[in-house]
Amino acid sequence: MRLPGARVLLACLGALLFPASGVAQQPAATGESGNNAIHNFSRPEDDPSTIAVRKIEPPGNAPLTVAEKIERGMAVDPMLDVNKIGARSVGDGLNVYSMEREQELGRSLAMDFERQANVINDPLISEYINRIGQNIVRNSDARFPFVIKVLDDDEVNAFALPGGYFFVNSGLILAADNEAELAGVMAHEVAHVAARHVTKNYTRAQLFNFASIPLIFVGGPIGLAVREVAGLAVPLSFLKFSRDAEREADMLGLQYSYRAGYDPQAFVQFFERLKTMEKAKHSSLAKAFSTHPMTADRIRQAQEEIAQDLPGRGEYIVTTSDFVEAKTRLMQLEDEHRVEWPHGAKPTLRKRNGKPADSGSQQGNDGPPVLRKRPDASL
């Protein structure tokens, strides 16, 4: 007698939990019955047959990306808006250096550096690199005029001093596969200058940890260490930026190369290739961008910023005949340099017979005069 009551109770619970369970068995409005009833759509856009021709919204109504907002004319953070480049507050903030003093500092550091560096003065190469760099500067937030020079250095690197003094190593030009890769790296360095990372970095050190700066960086007698903060020279060690500064330079550099017309993906591709080549332990690559190493996390974030923040374009500049011509010319100069004087070699004094001269042995007539004491000379 209790069994029917239990069945009734279960039936009632089922009706409460699944109130529409019987609706699917009713004929559709079109007269069709059975499973076809679930295809009775009240809106045409809900019909799966139209799914190929209508835009599928991301699950969960995901928010629009920065690039999509820019394309639709919507307001976004100015720091992410490539259309606001040049009219943003990049580089603002606490800094003990004025713009003028920062430029003077960069000029002084550049002069000291060039005294010990080998600058390539070939007109074709110098003009090409300067043209690429100035195009990037015009499409950046930098407020300094730039002086760009090429160095005879095999290390795959480039660096910019405060105030817009920019040096590009020949090794970087030769390592780049195309102009977009070269421009991407140069845009990253322009970004460091635009954001004034060197003097900001130094300002923070002065405010929070002035006593920790080794006096050797100050130069001269210890008395020079007591000069006023704004008068101190920034040591080159401050070219090693913080993680946040590097990420900002990555973001800005991608924007600048994009605004200048280049494919921003080339920047990421270049560093991915460098990391692969670095595993082969090439000496010129082992120190590549040692002041700001490109980690896997930075590469991933750069890829995300390209995909989400930069509006798509129909075409980009990847390479030009000018790049090929300049790179070929540089390779020719490198070959001539190796024949005349192997890179990194030092002069060796040799006798006419071709053997190295021994500074401790008796010199021949063709050697320089040597003052010697007579064996019988008295002390």
Protein backbone atom coordinates (compact mmCIF):
# COMPACT_ATOMS: atom_id res chain seq x y z
CA MET A 1 0.00 0.00 0.00
CA ARG A 2 2.94 2.32 0.49
CA LEU A 3 4.44 1.69 -2.97
CA PRO A 4 1.79 3.63 -4.98
CA GLY A 5 2.12 6.52 -2.58
CA ALA A 6 5.88 6.63 -3.16
CA ARG A 7 5.33 6.62 -6.90
CA VAL A 8 2.91 9.51 -6.63
CA LEU A 9 5.41 11.43 -4.54
CA LEU A 10 8.22 10.85 -7.07
CA ALA A 11 5.93 11.91 -9.88
CA CYS A 12 5.11 15.14 -8.07
CA LEU A 13 8.80 15.86 -7.45
CA GLY A 14 9.56 15.22 -11.12
CA ALA A 15 6.87 17.66 -12.19
CA LEU A 16 8.31 20.30 -9.89
CA LEU A 17 11.91 19.78 -11.01
CA PHE A 18 11.18 19.40 -14.72
CA PRO A 19 8.05 21.45 -15.45
CA ALA A 20 8.76 21.66 -19.22
CA SER A 21 9.57 18.01 -19.73
CA GLY A 22 6.36 17.40 -21.55
CA VAL A 23 6.52 20.46 -23.77
CA ALA A 24 9.05 18.96 -26.15
CA GLN A 25 6.55 16.29 -27.09
CA GLN A 26 4.06 18.84 -28.37
CA PRO A 27 3.95 19.47 -32.11
CA ALA A 28 5.80 22.49 -33.42
CA ALA A 29 3.95 25.52 -34.74
CA THR A 30 4.83 24.40 -38.25
CA GLY A 31 2.98 21.15 -37.76
CA GLU A 32 6.14 19.05 -37.34
CA SER A 33 6.42 16.82 -34.31
CA GLY A 34 9.06 15.05 -32.28
CA ASN A 35 12.63 16.39 -32.12
CA ASN A 36 11.96 18.89 -34.90
CA ALA A 37 10.11 21.01 -32.37
CA ILE A 38 13.41 22.35 -30.95
CA HIS A 39 14.13 24.01 -34.30
CA ASN A 40 11.20 26.37 -33.99
CA PHE A 41 13.13 29.66 -33.58
CA SER A 42 11.34 32.86 -32.76
CA ARG A 43 14.20 35.01 -34.20
CA PRO A 44 15.91 34.41 -37.58
CA GLU A 45 19.31 35.27 -36.13
CA ASP A 46 18.98 32.32 -33.74
CA ASP A 47 18.82 29.85 -36.61
CA PRO A 48 22.08 27.82 -36.69
CA SER A 49 21.96 27.90 -40.48
CA THR A 50 22.90 31.60 -40.35
CA ILE A 51 25.89 31.05 -38.09
CA ALA A 52 28.40 31.21 -40.94
CA VAL A 53 27.35 34.66 -42.05
CA ARG A 54 26.86 36.43 -38.74
CA LYS A 55 29.48 37.42 -36.18
CA ILE A 56 29.72 35.08 -33.21
CA GLU A 57 30.12 36.99 -29.97
CA PRO A 58 32.75 35.67 -27.54
CA PRO A 59 31.35 33.47 -24.80
CA GLY A 60 30.25 35.33 -21.74
CA ASN A 61 29.96 38.62 -23.67
CA ALA A 62 33.71 39.31 -23.39
CA PRO A 63 34.60 43.03 -23.38
CA LEU A 64 35.92 44.66 -26.53
CA THR A 65 39.66 44.83 -26.99
CA VAL A 66 41.46 48.15 -27.14
CA ALA A 67 41.93 47.72 -30.89
CA GLU A 68 38.19 47.13 -31.40
CA LYS A 69 37.34 50.20 -29.34
CA ILE A 70 39.77 52.34 -31.35
CA GLU A 71 38.30 51.06 -34.61
CA ARG A 72 34.82 51.99 -33.38
CA GLY A 73 35.90 55.44 -32.23
CA MET A 74 35.38 54.65 -28.55
CA ALA A 75 37.42 56.25 -25.77
CA VAL A 76 40.37 54.24 -24.41
CA ASP A 77 43.32 54.88 -22.12
CA PRO A 78 45.52 57.42 -23.98
CA MET A 79 48.59 55.35 -23.16
CA LEU A 80 47.10 52.53 -25.23
CA ASP A 81 45.71 54.66 -28.05
CA VAL A 82 48.08 54.83 -31.03
CA ASN A 83 46.09 57.75 -32.39
CA LYS A 84 47.13 59.84 -29.38
CA ILE A 85 50.88 59.35 -29.86
CA GLY A 86 52.67 62.67 -29.49
CA ALA A 87 49.90 64.20 -27.38
CA ARG A 88 50.25 62.06 -24.27
CA SER A 89 51.99 62.45 -20.93
CA VAL A 90 54.70 59.88 -21.65
CA GLY A 91 57.82 60.74 -19.68
CA ASP A 92 56.06 62.94 -17.13
CA GLY A 93 56.49 62.38 -13.43
CA LEU A 94 59.07 62.94 -10.72
CA ASN A 95 62.50 63.65 -12.19
CA VAL A 96 65.38 65.67 -10.76
CA TYR A 97 66.52 66.46 -14.31
CA SER A 98 64.89 69.08 -16.45
CA MET A 99 64.58 68.39 -20.17
CA GLU A 100 67.51 70.71 -20.88
CA ARG A 101 69.76 69.15 -18.26
CA GLU A 102 68.89 65.66 -19.44
CA GLN A 103 69.91 66.60 -22.97
CA GLU A 104 73.17 68.08 -21.68
CA LEU A 105 73.80 64.89 -19.72
CA GLY A 106 73.25 62.74 -22.80
CA ARG A 107 75.54 64.92 -24.90
CA SER A 108 78.32 64.63 -22.31
CA LEU A 109 77.94 60.85 -22.02
CA ALA A 110 77.88 60.47 -25.80
CA MET A 111 81.09 62.47 -26.21
CA ASP A 112 82.85 60.36 -23.58
CA PHE A 113 81.59 57.16 -25.18
CA GLU A 114 82.60 58.10 -28.72
CA ARG A 115 86.20 58.67 -27.61
CA GLN A 116 86.55 54.93 -27.13
CA ALA A 117 84.10 53.65 -29.74
CA ASN A 118 84.50 53.06 -33.48
CA VAL A 119 81.85 55.04 -35.34
CA ILE A 120 81.05 53.99 -38.90
CA ASN A 121 80.99 57.08 -41.08
CA ASP A 122 80.04 55.40 -44.36
CA PRO A 123 77.49 57.82 -45.94
CA LEU A 124 75.16 55.14 -47.28
CA ILE A 125 74.89 53.23 -44.00
CA SER A 126 74.77 56.31 -41.76
CA GLU A 127 72.09 58.02 -43.84
CA TYR A 128 69.93 54.89 -43.99
CA ILE A 129 70.01 54.18 -40.25
CA ASN A 130 69.40 57.84 -39.45
CA ARG A 131 66.41 57.91 -41.82
CA ILE A 132 64.86 54.84 -40.21
CA GLY A 133 65.42 56.22 -36.73
CA GLN A 134 64.09 59.70 -37.44
CA ASN A 135 60.93 58.24 -38.96
CA ILE A 136 60.33 56.33 -35.73
CA VAL A 137 61.06 59.44 -33.64
CA ARG A 138 58.49 61.45 -35.62
CA ASN A 139 55.93 58.77 -34.80
CA SER A 140 56.76 58.65 -31.10
CA ASP A 141 56.19 60.61 -27.90
CA ALA A 142 59.85 61.68 -27.72
CA ARG A 143 60.43 65.36 -27.00
CA PHE A 144 64.15 65.34 -27.77
CA PRO A 145 65.85 65.71 -31.14
CA PHE A 146 67.77 62.51 -31.87
CA VAL A 147 71.38 62.05 -32.95
CA ILE A 148 71.80 58.54 -34.37
CA LYS A 149 75.13 56.89 -35.17
CA VAL A 150 76.31 53.42 -36.20
CA LEU A 151 79.06 51.66 -34.27
CA ASP A 152 81.53 49.12 -35.59
CA ASP A 153 80.65 46.48 -33.02
CA ASP A 154 79.72 42.84 -33.64
CA GLU A 155 77.53 42.64 -30.54
CA VAL A 156 73.84 42.45 -31.43
CA ASN A 157 72.72 45.52 -29.54
CA ALA A 158 71.62 49.13 -29.60
CA PHE A 159 71.24 51.68 -26.86
CA ALA A 160 70.04 55.24 -26.41
CA LEU A 161 71.46 57.69 -23.90
CA PRO A 162 69.36 60.35 -22.18
CA GLY A 163 68.38 63.26 -24.38
CA GLY A 164 68.25 61.31 -27.64
CA TYR A 165 71.82 60.15 -28.33
CA PHE A 166 71.29 56.83 -30.04
CA PHE A 167 73.88 54.21 -31.05
CA VAL A 168 73.18 51.19 -33.27
CA ASN A 169 75.74 48.39 -33.46
CA SER A 170 76.68 46.94 -36.83
CA GLY A 171 76.01 43.51 -35.31
CA LEU A 172 72.34 44.40 -34.91
CA ILE A 173 71.99 45.45 -38.55
CA LEU A 174 73.62 42.24 -39.75
CA ALA A 175 71.50 40.08 -37.43
CA ALA A 176 68.20 41.58 -38.63
CA ASP A 177 66.49 39.68 -41.45
CA ASN A 178 64.47 42.67 -42.60
CA GLU A 179 63.87 46.36 -42.00
CA ALA A 180 60.86 45.76 -39.76
CA GLU A 181 63.00 43.79 -37.30
CA LEU A 182 65.61 46.53 -37.21
CA ALA A 183 62.95 49.21 -36.81
CA GLY A 184 61.27 47.28 -34.00
CA VAL A 185 64.45 47.20 -31.93
CA MET A 186 65.19 50.85 -32.64
CA ALA A 187 61.64 51.79 -31.65
CA HIS A 188 62.16 50.05 -28.31
CA GLU A 189 65.21 52.24 -27.62
CA VAL A 190 63.37 55.38 -28.71
CA ALA A 191 60.69 54.44 -26.18
CA HIS A 192 63.25 54.41 -23.36
CA VAL A 193 64.21 57.97 -24.23
CA ALA A 194 60.60 59.12 -24.66
CA ALA A 195 59.72 57.73 -21.23
CA ARG A 196 62.94 59.23 -19.77
CA HIS A 197 63.72 55.94 -18.07
CA VAL A 198 67.41 56.64 -17.36
CA THR A 199 66.95 59.86 -15.41
CA LYS A 200 63.79 58.57 -13.73
CA ASN A 201 65.69 55.48 -12.66
CA TYR A 202 68.45 57.65 -11.31
CA THR A 203 65.98 59.94 -9.55
CA ARG A 204 64.50 57.01 -7.67
CA ALA A 205 67.96 55.88 -6.63
CA GLN A 206 68.78 59.36 -5.37
CA LEU A 207 65.59 59.68 -3.39
CA PHE A 208 65.47 56.21 -1.87
CA ASN A 209 68.98 54.82 -1.80
CA PHE A 210 71.53 57.53 -2.53
CA ALA A 211 74.12 56.10 -0.16
CA SER A 212 74.18 52.76 -1.98
CA ILE A 213 75.62 54.19 -5.22
CA PRO A 214 79.30 53.19 -5.41
CA LEU A 215 81.55 56.23 -5.45
CA ILE A 216 83.41 54.81 -8.43
CA PHE A 217 80.37 55.67 -10.55
CA VAL A 218 80.66 59.31 -9.51
CA GLY A 219 84.23 59.62 -10.73
CA GLY A 220 87.06 61.73 -9.42
CA PRO A 221 87.95 62.31 -5.76
CA ILE A 222 85.58 61.41 -2.99
CA GLY A 223 84.83 65.10 -2.58
CA LEU A 224 82.89 65.01 -5.85
CA ALA A 225 80.37 62.71 -4.21
CA VAL A 226 78.97 65.57 -2.18
CA ARG A 227 77.84 67.54 -5.21
CA GLU A 228 74.19 68.40 -5.46
CA VAL A 229 71.91 65.64 -6.71
CA ALA A 230 71.01 67.33 -9.99
CA GLY A 231 74.68 67.79 -10.81
CA LEU A 232 75.67 64.13 -10.62
CA ALA A 233 76.33 62.23 -13.81
CA VAL A 234 74.18 59.17 -14.41
CA PRO A 235 76.33 56.02 -14.52
CA LEU A 236 75.86 53.68 -17.46
CA SER A 237 74.69 51.02 -15.00
CA PHE A 238 71.38 52.85 -14.95
CA LEU A 239 70.79 51.71 -18.54
CA LYS A 240 69.72 48.44 -16.93
CA PHE A 241 66.06 49.17 -16.45
CA SER A 242 63.47 47.73 -14.13
CA ARG A 243 61.00 45.13 -15.31
CA ASP A 244 58.21 47.71 -15.43
CA ALA A 245 60.35 50.09 -17.48
CA GLU A 246 61.15 47.34 -19.97
CA ARG A 247 57.52 46.42 -20.34
CA GLU A 248 56.59 50.06 -20.89
CA ALA A 249 59.32 50.35 -23.54
CA ASP A 250 58.02 47.17 -25.18
CA MET A 251 54.49 48.57 -25.31
CA LEU A 252 55.54 52.01 -26.55
CA GLY A 253 58.05 50.58 -29.01
CA LEU A 254 55.41 48.35 -30.59
CA GLN A 255 53.13 51.38 -30.91
CA TYR A 256 55.89 53.50 -32.48
CA SER A 257 56.93 50.89 -35.04
CA TYR A 258 53.25 50.28 -35.88
CA ARG A 259 52.63 54.01 -36.27
CA ALA A 260 55.69 54.29 -38.51
CA GLY A 261 54.16 51.66 -40.78
CA TYR A 262 56.10 48.53 -39.79
CA ASP A 263 54.82 45.09 -38.90
CA PRO A 264 54.99 45.02 -35.07
CA GLN A 265 55.24 41.21 -35.10
CA ALA A 266 58.78 41.58 -36.47
CA PHE A 267 60.01 42.77 -33.07
CA VAL A 268 58.80 39.57 -31.40
CA GLN A 269 60.07 37.35 -34.22
CA PHE A 270 63.52 38.91 -33.99
CA PHE A 271 63.88 38.18 -30.29
CA GLU A 272 62.48 34.68 -30.66
CA ARG A 273 65.14 33.98 -33.26
CA LEU A 274 67.81 35.53 -31.04
CA LYS A 275 66.88 33.25 -28.18
CA THR A 276 67.22 30.25 -30.49
CA MET A 277 70.59 31.45 -31.78
CA GLU A 278 71.77 32.26 -28.28
CA LYS A 279 71.52 28.58 -27.35
CA ALA A 280 74.35 27.97 -29.81
CA LYS A 281 76.49 30.18 -27.54
CA HIS A 282 77.65 32.62 -30.17
CA SER A 283 79.88 35.14 -28.44
CA SER A 284 78.29 38.10 -30.20
CA LEU A 285 74.84 36.94 -29.14
CA ALA A 286 75.60 35.94 -25.57
CA LYS A 287 75.56 39.60 -24.52
CA ALA A 288 72.70 40.61 -26.78
CA PHE A 289 70.58 43.17 -24.98
CA SER A 290 72.18 42.25 -21.67
CA THR A 291 70.92 45.53 -20.24
CA HIS A 292 67.34 44.45 -20.90
CA PRO A 293 66.99 40.69 -21.61
CA MET A 294 63.94 39.55 -23.55
CA THR A 295 62.26 36.94 -21.36
CA ALA A 296 59.54 34.50 -22.41
CA ASP A 297 57.06 36.50 -20.34
CA ARG A 298 57.90 39.72 -22.18
CA ILE A 299 57.55 37.97 -25.54
CA ARG A 300 54.14 36.58 -24.56
CA GLN A 301 52.94 39.97 -23.32
CA ALA A 302 54.16 41.69 -26.48
CA GLN A 303 52.19 39.22 -28.59
CA GLU A 304 49.06 39.90 -26.54
CA GLU A 305 49.47 43.66 -26.91
CA ILE A 306 49.82 43.34 -30.66
CA ALA A 307 46.68 41.23 -30.87
CA GLN A 308 44.55 43.29 -28.50
CA ASP A 309 45.81 46.89 -28.64
CA LEU A 310 46.85 47.55 -32.24
CA PRO A 311 44.12 47.88 -34.89
CA GLY A 312 44.60 45.62 -37.88
CA ARG A 313 46.04 46.94 -41.12
CA GLY A 314 45.85 45.74 -44.65
CA GLU A 315 49.59 45.98 -45.17
CA TYR A 316 52.81 46.72 -43.30
CA ILE A 317 56.38 47.56 -44.24
CA VAL A 318 58.48 44.44 -43.82
CA THR A 319 61.61 45.24 -45.78
CA THR A 320 62.93 47.55 -48.48
CA SER A 321 65.62 47.58 -51.11
CA ASP A 322 67.38 50.27 -49.05
CA PHE A 323 67.74 47.79 -46.18
CA VAL A 324 69.25 45.19 -48.49
CA GLU A 325 71.62 47.77 -49.97
CA ALA A 326 72.75 49.09 -46.58
CA LYS A 327 73.23 45.60 -45.15
CA THR A 328 75.20 44.51 -48.22
CA ARG A 329 77.41 47.57 -47.92
CA LEU A 330 78.00 46.86 -44.25
CA MET A 331 78.95 43.26 -45.01
CA GLN A 332 81.46 44.52 -47.54
CA LEU A 333 82.99 46.85 -44.97
CA GLU A 334 83.12 44.00 -42.46
CA ASP A 335 84.92 41.79 -44.97
CA GLU A 336 87.46 44.51 -45.74
CA HIS A 337 87.89 45.09 -42.01
CA ARG A 338 88.63 41.42 -41.40
CA VAL A 339 91.22 41.31 -44.17
CA GLU A 340 93.00 44.46 -43.05
CA TRP A 341 92.67 43.91 -39.33
CA PRO A 342 90.79 41.00 -37.73
CA HIS A 343 88.10 42.31 -35.40
CA GLY A 344 89.30 42.33 -31.81
CA ALA A 345 92.92 41.62 -32.73
CA LYS A 346 95.74 43.57 -31.17
CA PRO A 347 98.96 44.71 -32.87
CA THR A 348 101.92 42.36 -32.47
CA LEU A 349 105.54 43.41 -32.91
CA ARG A 350 107.27 41.05 -35.34
CA LYS A 351 110.75 40.75 -36.76
CA ARG A 352 111.35 40.64 -40.47
CA ASN A 353 111.55 36.87 -40.35
CA GLY A 354 107.88 36.82 -39.29
CA LYS A 355 108.44 35.57 -35.75
CA PRO A 356 106.98 37.49 -32.82
CA ALA A 357 109.48 39.65 -31.05
CA ASP A 358 110.37 38.69 -27.49
CA SER A 359 110.58 41.75 -25.31
CA GLY A 360 113.01 39.95 -23.02
CA SER A 361 115.43 38.73 -25.74
CA GLN A 362 118.18 40.51 -27.64
CA GLN A 363 116.67 42.74 -30.35
CA GLY A 364 117.95 42.67 -33.89
CA ASN A 365 119.02 45.70 -35.86
CA ASP A 366 115.48 46.14 -37.09
CA GLY A 367 114.04 46.43 -33.56
CA PRO A 368 113.66 49.57 -31.47
CA PRO A 369 116.66 50.67 -29.36
CA VAL A 370 116.84 49.14 -25.91
CA LEU A 371 118.85 50.63 -23.04
CA ARG A 372 120.83 47.93 -21.26
CA LYS A 373 123.28 47.98 -18.35
CA ARG A 374 126.82 46.73 -18.94
CA PRO A 375 127.55 43.44 -17.14
CA ASP A 376 130.67 44.93 -15.51
CA ALA A 377 128.97 48.16 -14.48
CA SER A 378 129.25 48.89 -10.80
CA LEU A 379 126.20 49.42 -8.63
